[in-house]
Protein backbone atom coordinates (compact mmCIF):
# COMPACT_ATOMS: atom_id res chain seq x y z
CA MET A 1 103.96 6.28 -8.90
CA THR A 2 104.66 10.03 -8.71
CA SER A 3 101.45 12.03 -8.38
CA ARG A 4 100.87 14.27 -11.38
CA PRO A 5 100.16 17.93 -10.52
CA THR A 6 97.17 19.66 -12.01
CA VAL A 7 97.53 22.65 -14.32
CA PHE A 8 96.53 24.88 -11.42
CA GLY A 9 99.17 23.25 -9.21
CA ALA A 10 101.83 23.69 -11.88
CA VAL A 11 100.92 27.38 -12.25
CA LEU A 12 101.17 27.85 -8.48
CA THR A 13 104.59 26.16 -8.52
CA VAL A 14 105.86 28.53 -11.22
CA LEU A 15 104.43 31.52 -9.37
CA GLY A 16 106.00 30.38 -6.10
CA ALA A 17 109.36 29.83 -7.80
CA ALA A 18 109.19 33.33 -9.34
CA LEU A 19 108.40 34.96 -5.98
CA THR A 20 111.19 33.00 -4.28
CA LEU A 21 113.66 34.05 -6.97
CA TRP A 22 112.60 37.69 -6.64
CA ALA A 23 113.04 37.55 -2.85
CA LEU A 24 116.43 35.90 -3.30
CA LEU A 25 117.74 38.52 -5.72
CA SER A 26 116.16 41.61 -4.14
CA VAL A 27 118.40 41.53 -1.07
CA ASP A 28 122.20 41.57 -0.96
CA ARG A 29 123.29 38.01 -0.13
CA PRO A 30 126.55 36.05 -0.55
CA THR A 31 127.04 35.20 -4.21
CA TRP A 32 127.58 31.52 -3.58
CA ALA A 33 124.37 31.33 -1.54
CA VAL A 34 122.36 33.11 -4.24
CA ALA A 35 123.80 30.79 -6.88
CA LEU A 36 122.86 27.69 -4.86
CA GLY A 37 119.42 29.20 -4.26
CA VAL A 38 118.93 29.66 -8.01
CA VAL A 39 120.02 26.05 -8.57
CA ALA A 40 117.52 24.89 -5.95
CA ILE A 41 114.72 26.84 -7.66
CA ALA A 42 115.76 25.45 -11.06
CA CYS A 43 115.72 21.87 -9.71
CA TRP A 44 112.31 22.52 -8.23
CA LEU A 45 110.98 23.68 -11.61
CA VAL A 46 112.67 20.79 -13.46
CA ARG A 47 111.00 18.33 -11.13
CA THR A 48 107.59 19.93 -11.74
CA VAL A 49 108.01 19.97 -15.53
CA LEU A 50 109.14 16.33 -15.66
CA VAL A 51 106.31 15.06 -13.48
CA PHE A 52 103.71 17.14 -15.34
CA ALA A 53 104.92 16.44 -18.87
CA THR A 54 105.99 12.78 -18.85
CA ARG A 55 104.55 9.45 -17.76
CA ARG A 56 107.73 7.47 -18.32
CA ALA A 57 109.48 5.79 -15.41
CA ALA A 58 112.80 7.35 -16.43
CA GLY A 59 111.28 10.83 -16.29
CA ALA A 60 109.83 10.13 -12.85
CA ALA A 61 113.21 8.93 -11.58
CA ILE A 62 114.97 12.06 -12.87
CA ALA A 63 112.23 14.18 -11.25
CA ARG A 64 112.95 12.56 -7.89
CA TRP A 65 116.69 13.19 -8.23
CA ALA A 66 115.92 16.81 -9.14
CA ALA A 67 113.83 17.11 -5.97
CA VAL A 68 116.67 15.64 -3.88
CA ALA A 69 119.08 18.14 -5.46
CA ALA A 70 116.67 20.99 -4.64
CA VAL A 71 116.55 19.84 -1.02
CA ALA A 72 120.35 19.64 -0.76
CA THR A 73 121.18 22.97 -2.42
CA GLY A 74 118.29 24.80 -0.76
CA SER A 75 119.31 23.50 2.67
CA ILE A 76 122.90 24.62 2.21
CA ALA A 77 121.95 28.11 1.01
CA GLY A 78 118.92 28.58 3.26
CA PRO A 79 120.56 30.10 6.37
CA ALA A 80 122.79 32.41 4.29
CA THR A 81 119.77 33.77 2.36
CA GLY A 82 117.54 34.41 5.35
CA GLY A 83 115.53 31.28 4.58
CA ASN A 84 114.58 32.32 1.03
CA ALA A 85 116.54 29.49 -0.62
CA LEU A 86 114.96 27.02 1.80
CA VAL A 87 111.54 27.32 0.13
CA PRO A 88 112.38 24.83 -2.70
CA ALA A 89 113.84 22.45 -0.10
CA VAL A 90 110.66 22.51 2.03
CA VAL A 91 108.41 21.95 -0.99
CA CYS A 92 110.55 19.12 -2.37
CA VAL A 93 110.76 17.40 1.03
CA MET A 94 106.96 17.41 1.02
CA VAL A 95 106.61 16.00 -2.51
CA LEU A 96 109.21 13.30 -1.91
CA LEU A 97 107.50 12.07 1.25
CA ALA A 98 104.13 12.23 -0.51
CA ASP A 99 105.40 10.18 -3.48
CA ALA A 100 104.06 6.63 -3.14
CA ALA A 101 106.88 5.31 -5.33
CA PHE A 102 109.57 6.90 -3.18
CA PRO A 103 110.45 4.66 -0.20
CA PRO A 104 109.39 6.22 3.12
CA VAL A 105 112.78 5.38 4.62
CA ALA A 106 114.51 7.29 1.82
CA GLY A 107 112.16 10.21 2.40
CA GLY A 108 113.00 10.17 6.10
CA ILE A 109 116.73 10.17 5.28
CA VAL A 110 116.29 13.17 2.96
CA LEU A 111 114.39 15.07 5.67
CA ALA A 112 116.95 14.21 8.38
CA GLY A 113 119.81 15.15 6.06
CA SER A 114 118.16 18.47 5.28
CA LEU A 115 117.72 19.25 8.97
CA GLY A 116 121.38 18.44 9.61
CA ILE A 117 122.62 20.51 6.67
CA VAL A 118 120.57 23.52 7.77
CA ALA A 119 121.87 23.24 11.33
CA VAL A 120 125.51 23.11 10.16
CA ALA A 121 125.02 25.88 7.58
CA ALA A 122 123.38 28.07 10.19
CA ILE A 123 126.57 28.00 12.25
CA GLY A 124 128.60 29.34 9.34
CA ALA A 125 126.01 31.99 8.53
CA ALA A 126 125.74 33.08 12.18
CA THR A 127 121.98 32.56 12.07
CA SER A 128 120.06 33.43 15.22
CA LEU A 129 118.45 30.64 17.22
CA PRO A 130 114.89 31.86 16.43
CA GLY A 131 115.78 31.97 12.74
CA LEU A 132 117.29 28.48 12.85
CA GLY A 133 114.27 27.19 14.76
CA ALA A 134 111.88 28.67 12.17
CA MET A 135 113.75 26.97 9.31
CA LEU A 136 113.84 23.62 11.09
CA VAL A 137 110.14 23.86 11.89
CA ALA A 138 109.39 24.72 8.24
CA LEU A 139 111.20 21.57 7.11
CA LEU A 140 109.36 19.42 9.69
CA VAL A 141 106.01 20.88 8.65
CA GLY A 142 106.85 20.09 5.02
CA GLY A 143 107.74 16.53 6.00
CA LEU A 144 104.53 16.06 7.98
CA ALA A 145 102.49 17.48 5.11
CA GLY A 146 104.15 14.98 2.76
CA VAL A 147 103.40 12.04 5.04
CA SER A 148 99.80 13.21 5.36
CA ARG A 149 99.42 13.46 1.58
CA ARG A 150 100.91 9.97 1.19
CA GLN A 151 98.38 8.55 3.66
CA VAL A 152 95.49 10.28 1.92
CA ALA A 153 96.64 9.02 -1.47
CA ARG A 154 96.99 5.49 -0.08
CA ALA A 155 93.46 5.65 1.35
CA LEU A 156 92.11 6.87 -2.00
CA ARG A 157 93.87 4.05 -3.84
CA ARG A 158 92.47 1.54 -1.35
CA GLU A 159 88.98 2.95 -1.87
CA ALA A 160 89.43 2.75 -5.64
CA LEU A 161 90.54 -0.88 -5.38
CA LEU A 162 87.58 -1.72 -3.16
CA ALA A 163 85.22 0.03 -5.56
CA GLU A 164 86.68 -1.93 -8.47
CA ARG A 165 86.42 -5.19 -6.53
CA ASP A 166 82.82 -4.36 -5.65
CA ARG A 167 82.06 -3.61 -9.31
CA GLN A 168 83.58 -6.94 -10.37
CA LEU A 169 81.57 -8.80 -7.74
CA ARG A 170 78.36 -7.09 -8.87
CA GLU A 171 79.09 -7.99 -12.48
CA GLU A 172 79.80 -11.60 -11.52
CA ALA A 173 76.59 -11.75 -9.48
CA ALA A 174 74.68 -10.32 -12.43
CA ARG A 175 76.16 -12.93 -14.77
CA VAL A 176 75.24 -15.72 -12.34
CA ALA A 177 71.71 -14.32 -12.02
CA LEU A 178 71.35 -14.13 -15.79
CA ALA A 179 72.60 -17.70 -16.24
CA ARG A 180 70.17 -18.82 -13.55
CA ASP A 181 67.24 -17.04 -15.20
CA LEU A 182 68.10 -18.34 -18.64
CA HIS A 183 68.39 -21.88 -17.29
CA ASP A 184 64.97 -21.65 -15.67
CA VAL A 185 63.37 -20.11 -18.77
CA LEU A 186 64.95 -22.55 -21.22
CA ALA A 187 64.30 -25.61 -19.05
CA HIS A 188 60.64 -24.63 -18.82
CA SER A 189 60.16 -23.53 -22.43
CA LEU A 190 62.24 -26.15 -24.20
CA GLY A 191 60.92 -28.94 -22.01
CA GLY A 192 57.38 -27.85 -22.80
CA LEU A 193 58.18 -27.59 -26.50
CA VAL A 194 59.42 -31.17 -26.54
CA VAL A 195 56.17 -32.33 -24.94
CA GLN A 196 54.02 -30.34 -27.37
CA LEU A 197 55.94 -31.44 -30.45
CA ASP A 198 55.92 -35.09 -29.38
CA ALA A 199 52.17 -34.87 -28.86
CA ALA A 200 51.68 -33.15 -32.21
CA GLU A 201 53.66 -35.86 -33.99
CA ALA A 202 51.66 -38.60 -32.25
CA LEU A 203 48.38 -36.91 -33.19
CA ARG A 204 49.50 -36.49 -36.80
CA GLU A 205 50.39 -40.16 -37.02
CA ALA A 206 47.03 -41.01 -35.45
CA GLY A 207 45.26 -39.10 -38.23
CA ASP A 208 44.06 -36.13 -36.15
CA PRO A 209 45.56 -33.10 -37.93
CA ALA A 210 43.29 -30.61 -36.14
CA ALA A 211 44.50 -31.68 -32.71
CA ALA A 212 48.09 -31.79 -33.98
CA LEU A 213 47.71 -28.22 -35.24
CA GLU A 214 46.38 -27.18 -31.85
CA ARG A 215 49.46 -28.66 -30.21
CA LEU A 216 51.74 -26.82 -32.65
CA THR A 217 49.93 -23.58 -31.88
CA GLY A 218 50.52 -24.20 -28.18
CA ALA A 219 54.19 -24.88 -28.90
CA ARG A 220 54.48 -21.60 -30.76
CA GLU A 221 52.90 -19.69 -27.88
CA LEU A 222 55.21 -21.39 -25.42
CA ALA A 223 58.25 -20.52 -27.53
CA ALA A 224 57.14 -16.88 -27.78
CA SER A 225 56.59 -16.75 -24.02
CA GLY A 226 60.05 -18.24 -23.36
CA LEU A 227 61.68 -15.76 -25.71
CA GLY A 228 59.94 -12.90 -23.93
CA GLU A 229 61.13 -14.13 -20.54
CA ALA A 230 64.68 -14.50 -21.83
CA ARG A 231 64.60 -10.92 -23.11
CA ARG A 232 63.30 -9.67 -19.79
CA ALA A 233 66.11 -11.51 -17.99
CA VAL A 234 68.71 -9.85 -20.23
CA ALA A 235 67.03 -6.46 -19.78
CA ALA A 236 67.14 -6.92 -16.00
CA LEU A 237 70.90 -7.39 -16.22
CA ARG A 238 71.21 -3.95 -17.81
CA ARG A 239 69.38 -2.21 -14.99
CA PRO A 240 71.32 -0.55 -12.15
CA ALA A 241 72.42 -2.84 -9.33
CA THR A 242 69.87 -1.35 -6.90
CA ALA A 243 67.06 -2.07 -9.32
CA GLN A 244 68.35 -5.61 -9.89
CA ALA A 245 68.30 -6.19 -6.16
CA GLY A 246 64.75 -4.87 -6.00
CA GLN A 247 65.67 -2.21 -3.45
CA ASP A 248 63.94 0.66 -5.26
CA ALA A 249 61.21 -1.29 -7.05
CA ALA A 250 57.60 -1.31 -5.87
CA PRO A 251 56.29 -4.46 -4.13
CA VAL A 252 54.50 -7.01 -6.26
CA PRO A 253 50.81 -7.04 -5.23
CA PRO A 254 49.28 -10.33 -3.99
CA GLU A 255 46.98 -10.71 -7.00
CA GLU A 256 49.97 -10.45 -9.34
CA VAL A 257 51.86 -13.10 -7.37
CA GLU A 258 48.87 -15.45 -7.59
CA ARG A 259 48.50 -14.74 -11.31
CA LEU A 260 52.13 -15.67 -11.97
CA LEU A 261 51.75 -18.97 -10.11
CA ASP A 262 48.39 -19.77 -11.69
CA GLU A 263 49.86 -19.19 -15.16
CA LEU A 264 52.55 -21.80 -14.50
CA VAL A 265 49.93 -24.27 -13.29
CA ALA A 266 47.85 -23.58 -16.42
CA VAL A 267 50.89 -24.13 -18.66
CA HIS A 268 51.61 -27.43 -16.89
CA ARG A 269 48.06 -28.58 -17.52
CA GLY A 270 48.22 -27.34 -21.10
CA LEU A 271 51.25 -29.53 -21.63
CA GLY A 272 49.25 -32.56 -20.55
CA GLY A 273 50.38 -32.60 -16.92
CA ALA A 274 48.03 -33.41 -14.05
CA ILE A 275 48.25 -31.26 -10.95
CA ARG A 276 46.35 -30.70 -7.73
CA TRP A 277 46.92 -27.03 -6.96
CA GLU A 278 46.03 -25.56 -3.56
CA ARG A 279 46.32 -22.05 -2.15
CA VAL A 280 46.01 -21.55 1.59
CA GLY A 281 46.03 -18.35 3.62
CA THR A 282 45.96 -14.68 2.73
CA PRO A 283 48.55 -13.68 0.11
CA ALA A 284 50.87 -10.80 0.95
CA PRO A 285 52.83 -8.40 -1.24
CA LEU A 286 56.33 -9.57 -2.15
CA THR A 287 59.44 -7.80 -3.28
CA PRO A 288 60.31 -8.36 -6.96
CA ALA A 289 63.16 -10.67 -5.89
CA GLN A 290 60.81 -12.72 -3.69
CA ALA A 291 58.14 -12.95 -6.38
CA THR A 292 60.69 -14.04 -8.97
CA ALA A 293 62.20 -16.63 -6.62
CA LEU A 294 58.76 -18.10 -5.86
CA GLN A 295 57.79 -18.14 -9.55
CA ARG A 296 61.05 -19.76 -10.65
CA ALA A 297 60.84 -22.36 -7.90
CA LEU A 298 57.39 -23.53 -9.06
CA GLN A 299 58.49 -23.33 -12.70
CA GLU A 300 61.55 -25.50 -12.08
CA ALA A 301 59.60 -27.98 -9.95
CA LEU A 302 56.92 -28.46 -12.61
CA SER A 303 59.54 -28.76 -15.37
CA ASN A 304 61.31 -31.47 -13.37
CA ALA A 305 58.01 -33.26 -12.78
CA ARG A 306 57.24 -33.33 -16.51
CA ARG A 307 60.70 -34.73 -17.22
CA HIS A 308 60.98 -37.28 -14.44
CA ALA A 309 57.35 -38.13 -13.68
CA PRO A 310 55.49 -37.88 -17.02
CA GLY A 311 51.80 -38.59 -16.65
CA ALA A 312 51.92 -38.58 -12.83
CA THR A 313 49.82 -36.22 -10.77
CA VAL A 314 51.75 -33.41 -9.12
CA GLU A 315 50.62 -32.12 -5.75
CA ALA A 316 51.48 -28.46 -5.27
CA SER A 317 50.44 -25.88 -2.72
CA VAL A 318 51.34 -22.38 -1.63
CA ARG A 319 50.64 -21.52 2.01
CA TRP A 320 50.72 -17.95 3.30
CA GLN A 321 51.51 -17.40 6.96
CA ALA A 322 52.18 -14.31 9.02
CA ASP A 323 55.97 -14.51 8.71
CA LEU A 324 56.59 -16.67 5.64
CA VAL A 325 55.22 -18.16 2.44
CA ARG A 326 55.79 -21.86 1.80
CA LEU A 327 55.66 -23.56 -1.59
CA THR A 328 55.45 -27.36 -1.63
CA VAL A 329 55.63 -29.50 -4.76
CA ALA A 330 55.53 -33.32 -4.63
CA ASN A 331 55.50 -35.92 -7.36
CA PRO A 332 56.37 -39.61 -7.70
CA LEU A 333 59.68 -40.57 -9.33
CA THR A 334 58.78 -42.70 -12.32
CA THR A 335 62.06 -42.38 -14.25
CA PRO A 336 65.51 -43.43 -12.99
CA GLY A 337 67.86 -40.69 -11.87
CA GLY A 338 65.08 -38.17 -11.46
CA GLY A 339 65.78 -37.00 -7.94
CA ALA A 340 67.76 -34.19 -6.42
CA ALA A 341 70.96 -35.44 -8.02
CA SER A 342 69.47 -34.74 -11.42
CA GLY A 343 68.18 -31.32 -10.41
CA GLY A 344 71.56 -29.92 -11.36
CA TYR A 345 71.62 -26.22 -12.02
CA GLY A 346 67.90 -25.82 -11.37
CA LEU A 347 67.93 -26.77 -7.69
CA ARG A 348 71.30 -25.11 -7.19
CA GLY A 349 70.04 -21.88 -8.73
CA MET A 350 66.88 -22.11 -6.62
CA ALA A 351 68.95 -22.35 -3.43
CA GLU A 352 71.12 -19.42 -4.55
CA ARG A 353 68.04 -17.29 -5.11
CA MET A 354 66.77 -18.05 -1.62
CA ARG A 355 70.09 -17.19 0.01
CA GLU A 356 70.13 -13.82 -1.74
CA LEU A 357 66.70 -12.74 -0.46
CA PRO A 358 66.92 -9.89 2.09
CA ARG A 359 64.52 -11.64 4.51
CA GLY A 360 66.02 -15.06 4.01
CA GLY A 361 64.83 -18.18 2.24
CA ARG A 362 65.23 -21.95 2.41
CA VAL A 363 65.06 -24.89 0.02
CA HIS A 364 64.46 -28.40 1.35
CA VAL A 365 64.38 -31.56 -0.78
CA ASP A 366 63.13 -34.91 0.46
CA GLU A 367 63.20 -38.19 -1.45
CA THR A 368 61.51 -41.07 0.34
CA ALA A 369 59.27 -43.92 -0.76
CA GLY A 370 59.69 -43.09 -4.42
CA ARG A 371 58.45 -39.51 -4.01
CA PHE A 372 60.24 -36.25 -4.66
CA VAL A 373 59.15 -33.40 -2.37
CA LEU A 374 60.40 -29.85 -2.74
CA VAL A 375 59.71 -27.25 -0.02
CA VAL A 376 60.61 -23.61 -0.57
CA GLU A 377 60.15 -20.98 2.15
CA GLU A 378 60.55 -17.20 1.99
CA GLY A 379 60.49 -14.86 4.96
CA LEU A 380 57.87 -12.10 5.06
CA GLY A 381 57.45 -8.91 7.02
């Protein structure tokens, strides 16, 4: 595509054409040479107007032919006008070689043809060798400038494509992260709601309306909490990419990390689940991404345990070491199909979270002797 000049560039072109025309007419030159020089200037201006004023392919093609005509006529008249008529030729050689839509081979042919025409015309005009050399050098400099501009434009286009590709990848990663968060939130909240509502119905049928009402109240709180988490997940998607990655956010203090995990344990117990919860070692601050990954891992593990091992005691622990934090959750498999194969998006999303952590993470699942054991590790330091 032909590069469109700016208003300032167009003004400079008109000013340059006016000065060239004045220099051409101010000195006595052969009439035919002056006429060709005027034609070259006119073609130069036509090319500028077409490129500046139209976006159509036909206009761009005519602009290129106008530039070629300026090169041809300017090269013929250049030696006979003391080099004045060569100015449009030099400029148009540059713009043709800089035009990404104009084949480089064609640009090279135009430049070579211009050099040959000037050399032949110089013989007829009895141009001195220094004068001929200056005109040939001017054309070569114009050609090199055009090639340089083409390379710069190509590099800028490549950078723009890479930036667009990077933007698309960031958007896709954000969509995956949002889907992952929503899955974790909904699996936890909706699974808990089912448990609470089932319990409330059983209590109502057993003639204990007060306990049933308490269960319904718990279900309402769980639904409100899930809605809040879903809103926070959507809000996180709207933050800048650096904030989403947790690069500029403050670390999550140890007491906040413990509070998040304890809340999930309390919710599990509130939903009627039994759990032996152990914390070992000295907690350390985590990045927001690490804290979220650890929280979601425990949330998903407890949700799976309520679905696939209802009534069974879950054994969970978080162990803090110098270089990593390890979360372990184990429960018996009391329902068919309740292992890793059924983990579906939850376990997959958990593994994706760990891979995205700056300091690395790992998810390990073991199913032996009717037990499901999940081990999640995050690097520290």
